[in-house]
Amino acid sequence: MEALVDRQQGAATIPAVLILLGPPGAGKGTQARMLEERFGLIQLSTGDLLRAAVAAGSEAGLAAKAVMEAGGLVSDEIVLAILKDRMAAPDVKAGVILDGFPRTAGQAAALDALLAEAGQRVTAAISLEVDDLAMIARVAGRYTCADCGEGYHDAFKLPETSGTCDKCGGTAFKRRADDTADTARARLEAYHAQTAPLIAHYRALGVLETVDAMGSIDAVASDLGSIVSRVSA
């Protein structure tokens, strides 16, 4: 495991704060898990944070529970309070990868202020760049074995024996209802509209990094690892 160190020689270690940006299907989850293992980082997703805070019965968690039970949307202030509590835990001393937050420029500015209070900042916002047409084809062609869940693709990964799962020998396959070209296209359009202000925000701060996410998992992981090592040195 590689250690993340402070930029100022001899100073106390400051936890890294990484943000992965990328549309559905870009591989953010896979890459976040690999970064966790390599650098000792902790992936923090908004959904997991909310559930954990509610289960723990913290002040912010109870506030979130009340809102959710009323059918409302949890406010940015509550999410930030929960995030602040979580980032104070000892297991995040190496740093965090934020998943699902921020989603807007306003949330990004609020996160900057929260981090500044703790003497921290966003170390890097890494955008996983994709080719939209290739991503639509990637998503629209996916299907799985109905028995074991092994993944296949119409163009990139067919069973060795047509109609038979390589892993378990099953003959039934299924597709997710939302794995269609139209759905994938709509997701990409929504992502670009939502993320464009974040890209501008982090570019202005000088912490935006980009990675070609159309390569192999290992190639993308290598590029991400190089960035994390560089920005944390």
Protein backbone atom coordinates (compact mmCIF):
# COMPACT_ATOMS: atom_id res chain seq x y z
CA MET A 1 0.00 0.00 0.00
CA GLU A 2 1.36 3.40 -0.97
CA ALA A 3 1.28 6.17 1.60
CA LEU A 4 -0.16 9.58 0.81
CA VAL A 5 1.89 12.41 2.27
CA ASP A 6 1.47 16.12 2.81
CA ARG A 7 2.77 18.53 0.19
CA GLN A 8 4.69 20.46 2.85
CA GLN A 9 7.76 18.52 3.88
CA GLY A 10 7.79 17.72 7.57
CA ALA A 11 4.17 18.73 8.13
CA ALA A 12 1.52 16.45 9.52
CA THR A 13 -0.17 14.26 6.96
CA ILE A 14 -3.23 15.86 5.40
CA PRO A 15 -5.79 13.34 4.12
CA ALA A 16 -6.25 13.33 0.36
CA VAL A 17 -9.69 14.29 -0.93
CA LEU A 18 -10.34 12.85 -4.38
CA ILE A 19 -13.44 13.28 -6.51
CA LEU A 20 -14.12 10.91 -9.39
CA LEU A 21 -16.29 12.34 -12.13
CA GLY A 22 -17.69 10.24 -14.94
CA PRO A 23 -20.96 9.05 -16.48
CA PRO A 24 -22.67 5.75 -15.64
CA GLY A 25 -20.65 2.92 -17.13
CA ALA A 26 -17.34 4.79 -17.05
CA GLY A 27 -15.99 2.47 -14.35
CA LYS A 28 -15.94 4.83 -11.35
CA GLY A 29 -16.89 2.09 -8.87
CA THR A 30 -14.29 -0.36 -10.12
CA GLN A 31 -11.55 2.25 -10.16
CA ALA A 32 -12.49 3.59 -6.72
CA ARG A 33 -12.13 0.10 -5.23
CA MET A 34 -8.70 -0.28 -6.84
CA LEU A 35 -7.59 3.10 -5.48
CA GLU A 36 -8.84 2.11 -2.03
CA GLU A 37 -6.69 -1.00 -2.07
CA ARG A 38 -3.59 0.66 -3.49
CA PHE A 39 -3.55 3.84 -1.42
CA GLY A 40 -5.55 3.00 1.69
CA LEU A 41 -8.28 5.45 0.76
CA ILE A 42 -11.92 5.16 1.81
CA GLN A 43 -14.71 5.49 -0.75
CA LEU A 44 -17.59 7.56 0.60
CA SER A 45 -20.87 7.40 -1.28
CA THR A 46 -23.71 9.71 -0.36
CA GLY A 47 -26.20 6.85 -0.06
CA ASP A 48 -23.97 4.78 2.23
CA LEU A 49 -23.19 7.83 4.37
CA LEU A 50 -26.86 8.62 4.87
CA ARG A 51 -27.77 5.03 5.76
CA ALA A 52 -24.88 4.73 8.20
CA ALA A 53 -25.69 8.05 9.88
CA VAL A 54 -29.35 7.10 10.28
CA ALA A 55 -28.37 3.70 11.71
CA ALA A 56 -25.90 5.33 14.12
CA GLY A 57 -28.51 7.80 15.34
CA SER A 58 -26.23 10.82 15.07
CA GLU A 59 -27.72 14.30 15.18
CA ALA A 60 -27.32 14.72 11.43
CA GLY A 61 -28.50 11.15 10.87
CA LEU A 62 -31.70 11.77 12.81
CA ALA A 63 -32.31 14.92 10.80
CA ALA A 64 -31.81 12.98 7.58
CA LYS A 65 -34.14 10.23 8.79
CA ALA A 66 -36.92 12.72 9.48
CA VAL A 67 -36.61 14.20 6.01
CA MET A 68 -36.52 10.82 4.27
CA GLU A 69 -39.48 9.48 6.22
CA ALA A 70 -41.43 12.56 5.15
CA GLY A 71 -40.58 11.79 1.54
CA GLY A 72 -38.32 14.81 1.12
CA LEU A 73 -34.83 15.27 -0.26
CA VAL A 74 -32.02 15.51 2.28
CA SER A 75 -30.56 19.01 2.19
CA ASP A 76 -26.97 19.82 1.29
CA GLU A 77 -26.45 21.08 4.84
CA ILE A 78 -27.37 17.69 6.31
CA VAL A 79 -25.22 15.81 3.80
CA LEU A 80 -22.27 18.07 4.58
CA ALA A 81 -22.77 17.58 8.33
CA ILE A 82 -22.76 13.81 7.88
CA LEU A 83 -19.71 14.01 5.61
CA LYS A 84 -17.90 16.17 8.18
CA ASP A 85 -18.56 13.60 10.91
CA ARG A 86 -17.42 10.72 8.71
CA MET A 87 -14.21 12.44 7.62
CA ALA A 88 -13.24 12.93 11.26
CA ALA A 89 -13.15 9.16 11.80
CA PRO A 90 -9.70 7.60 12.27
CA ASP A 91 -10.02 5.18 9.35
CA VAL A 92 -9.96 8.01 6.79
CA LYS A 93 -6.57 9.37 7.79
CA ALA A 94 -5.10 8.44 4.38
CA GLY A 95 -7.89 10.15 2.51
CA VAL A 96 -11.23 9.68 0.82
CA ILE A 97 -12.76 9.21 -2.60
CA LEU A 98 -16.08 11.04 -2.82
CA ASP A 99 -18.79 9.26 -4.79
CA GLY A 100 -22.02 11.07 -5.66
CA PHE A 101 -21.12 14.37 -4.01
CA PRO A 102 -20.75 17.10 -5.09
CA ARG A 103 -23.19 17.07 -8.01
CA THR A 104 -23.59 20.82 -8.51
CA ALA A 105 -21.34 23.88 -8.43
CA GLY A 106 -23.13 25.03 -5.27
CA GLN A 107 -22.38 21.75 -3.53
CA ALA A 108 -18.77 21.97 -4.71
CA ALA A 109 -18.39 25.45 -3.19
CA ALA A 110 -19.96 24.25 0.08
CA LEU A 111 -17.57 21.30 0.15
CA ASP A 112 -14.61 23.64 -0.41
CA ALA A 113 -15.71 25.70 2.60
CA LEU A 114 -16.15 22.61 4.76
CA LEU A 115 -12.70 21.33 3.88
CA ALA A 116 -11.11 24.75 4.45
CA GLU A 117 -12.45 24.75 8.01
CA ALA A 118 -10.41 21.60 8.63
CA GLY A 119 -7.32 22.89 6.83
CA GLN A 120 -8.00 20.65 3.84
CA ARG A 121 -8.92 21.04 0.20
CA VAL A 122 -9.84 18.93 -2.79
CA THR A 123 -6.61 17.22 -3.83
CA ALA A 124 -7.86 16.34 -7.29
CA ALA A 125 -11.11 16.11 -9.21
CA ILE A 126 -10.48 13.42 -11.81
CA SER A 127 -12.77 13.27 -14.82
CA LEU A 128 -13.05 9.87 -16.49
CA GLU A 129 -13.40 10.90 -20.12
CA VAL A 130 -15.45 8.69 -22.42
CA ASP A 131 -16.53 8.59 -26.05
CA ASP A 132 -20.30 8.99 -25.95
CA LEU A 133 -21.06 6.79 -28.96
CA ALA A 134 -18.77 4.06 -27.67
CA MET A 135 -20.35 4.30 -24.22
CA ILE A 136 -23.84 3.92 -25.67
CA ALA A 137 -22.72 0.80 -27.52
CA ARG A 138 -21.01 -0.51 -24.38
CA VAL A 139 -24.11 -0.11 -22.22
CA ALA A 140 -26.69 -1.16 -24.80
CA GLY A 141 -24.96 -4.47 -25.56
CA ARG A 142 -24.68 -5.76 -21.99
CA TYR A 143 -26.41 -8.88 -20.73
CA THR A 144 -25.80 -11.46 -18.00
CA CYS A 145 -26.27 -15.12 -17.23
CA ALA A 146 -29.58 -15.47 -15.40
CA ASP A 147 -28.13 -18.18 -13.16
CA CYS A 148 -24.69 -16.94 -12.04
CA GLY A 149 -24.62 -13.29 -13.15
CA GLU A 150 -21.59 -13.63 -15.46
CA GLY A 151 -21.46 -10.62 -17.76
CA TYR A 152 -21.47 -10.68 -21.55
CA HIS A 153 -21.74 -8.23 -24.41
CA ASP A 154 -23.15 -8.46 -27.93
CA ALA A 155 -19.96 -7.07 -29.47
CA PHE A 156 -17.16 -7.46 -26.94
CA LYS A 157 -17.76 -10.67 -25.04
CA LEU A 158 -19.91 -13.48 -26.37
CA PRO A 159 -20.08 -16.93 -24.73
CA GLU A 160 -17.58 -19.37 -26.24
CA THR A 161 -20.49 -21.66 -27.01
CA SER A 162 -23.47 -19.73 -28.28
CA GLY A 163 -26.33 -19.73 -25.78
CA THR A 164 -24.31 -21.33 -22.97
CA CYS A 165 -22.67 -19.51 -20.07
CA ASP A 166 -18.91 -20.06 -19.94
CA LYS A 167 -18.90 -19.98 -16.15
CA CYS A 168 -21.82 -22.16 -15.05
CA GLY A 169 -23.20 -23.75 -18.20
CA GLY A 170 -26.53 -21.99 -17.82
CA THR A 171 -28.64 -21.35 -20.89
CA ALA A 172 -30.82 -18.48 -19.66
CA PHE A 173 -29.68 -14.89 -20.08
CA LYS A 174 -31.17 -11.53 -19.16
CA ARG A 175 -30.77 -7.84 -19.87
CA ARG A 176 -31.49 -4.91 -17.59
CA ALA A 177 -34.55 -3.03 -18.73
CA ASP A 178 -32.61 0.26 -18.73
CA ASP A 179 -29.63 -1.08 -20.69
CA THR A 180 -30.84 0.38 -23.97
CA ALA A 181 -29.31 2.86 -26.39
CA ASP A 182 -32.02 5.44 -25.65
CA THR A 183 -31.55 5.18 -21.89
CA ALA A 184 -27.77 5.32 -22.18
CA ARG A 185 -28.02 8.39 -24.41
CA ALA A 186 -30.34 10.14 -21.96
CA ARG A 187 -28.01 9.35 -19.05
CA LEU A 188 -25.03 10.78 -20.88
CA GLU A 189 -26.90 13.96 -21.80
CA ALA A 190 -27.99 14.43 -18.19
CA TYR A 191 -24.47 13.75 -16.94
CA HIS A 192 -22.85 16.28 -19.25
CA ALA A 193 -25.39 18.95 -18.34
CA GLN A 194 -24.98 18.29 -14.62
CA THR A 195 -21.21 17.94 -14.59
CA ALA A 196 -20.17 20.81 -16.86
CA PRO A 197 -20.30 23.37 -13.99
CA LEU A 198 -18.21 21.04 -11.80
CA ILE A 199 -15.59 20.68 -14.52
CA ALA A 200 -15.37 24.48 -14.76
CA HIS A 201 -15.24 24.84 -10.97
CA TYR A 202 -12.35 22.44 -10.47
CA ARG A 203 -10.49 23.66 -13.52
CA ALA A 204 -10.60 27.17 -12.04
CA LEU A 205 -9.18 25.79 -8.78
CA GLY A 206 -6.35 24.12 -10.69
CA VAL A 207 -7.18 20.62 -9.41
CA LEU A 208 -8.93 19.14 -12.45
CA GLU A 209 -7.32 16.04 -13.95
CA THR A 210 -8.55 13.96 -16.88
CA VAL A 211 -8.14 10.28 -17.73
CA ASP A 212 -9.09 8.44 -20.90
CA ALA A 213 -11.56 5.91 -19.52
CA MET A 214 -12.02 4.01 -22.79
CA GLY A 215 -8.92 1.88 -22.23
CA SER A 216 -8.65 -1.36 -20.29
CA ILE A 217 -9.40 -1.45 -16.56
CA ASP A 218 -5.70 -1.89 -15.79
CA ALA A 219 -4.66 0.96 -18.09
CA VAL A 220 -7.16 3.35 -16.51
CA ALA A 221 -6.07 2.22 -13.04
CA SER A 222 -2.45 2.91 -13.93
CA ASP A 223 -3.26 6.42 -15.14
CA LEU A 224 -5.33 7.14 -12.02
CA GLY A 225 -2.59 5.80 -9.76
CA SER A 226 -0.03 8.06 -11.42
CA ILE A 227 -2.22 11.10 -10.85
CA VAL A 228 -2.91 10.26 -7.22
CA SER A 229 0.79 9.68 -6.54
CA ARG A 230 1.71 12.97 -8.21
CA VAL A 231 -0.89 15.25 -6.64
CA SER A 232 -0.32 13.80 -3.18
CA ALA A 233 3.47 14.03 -3.24
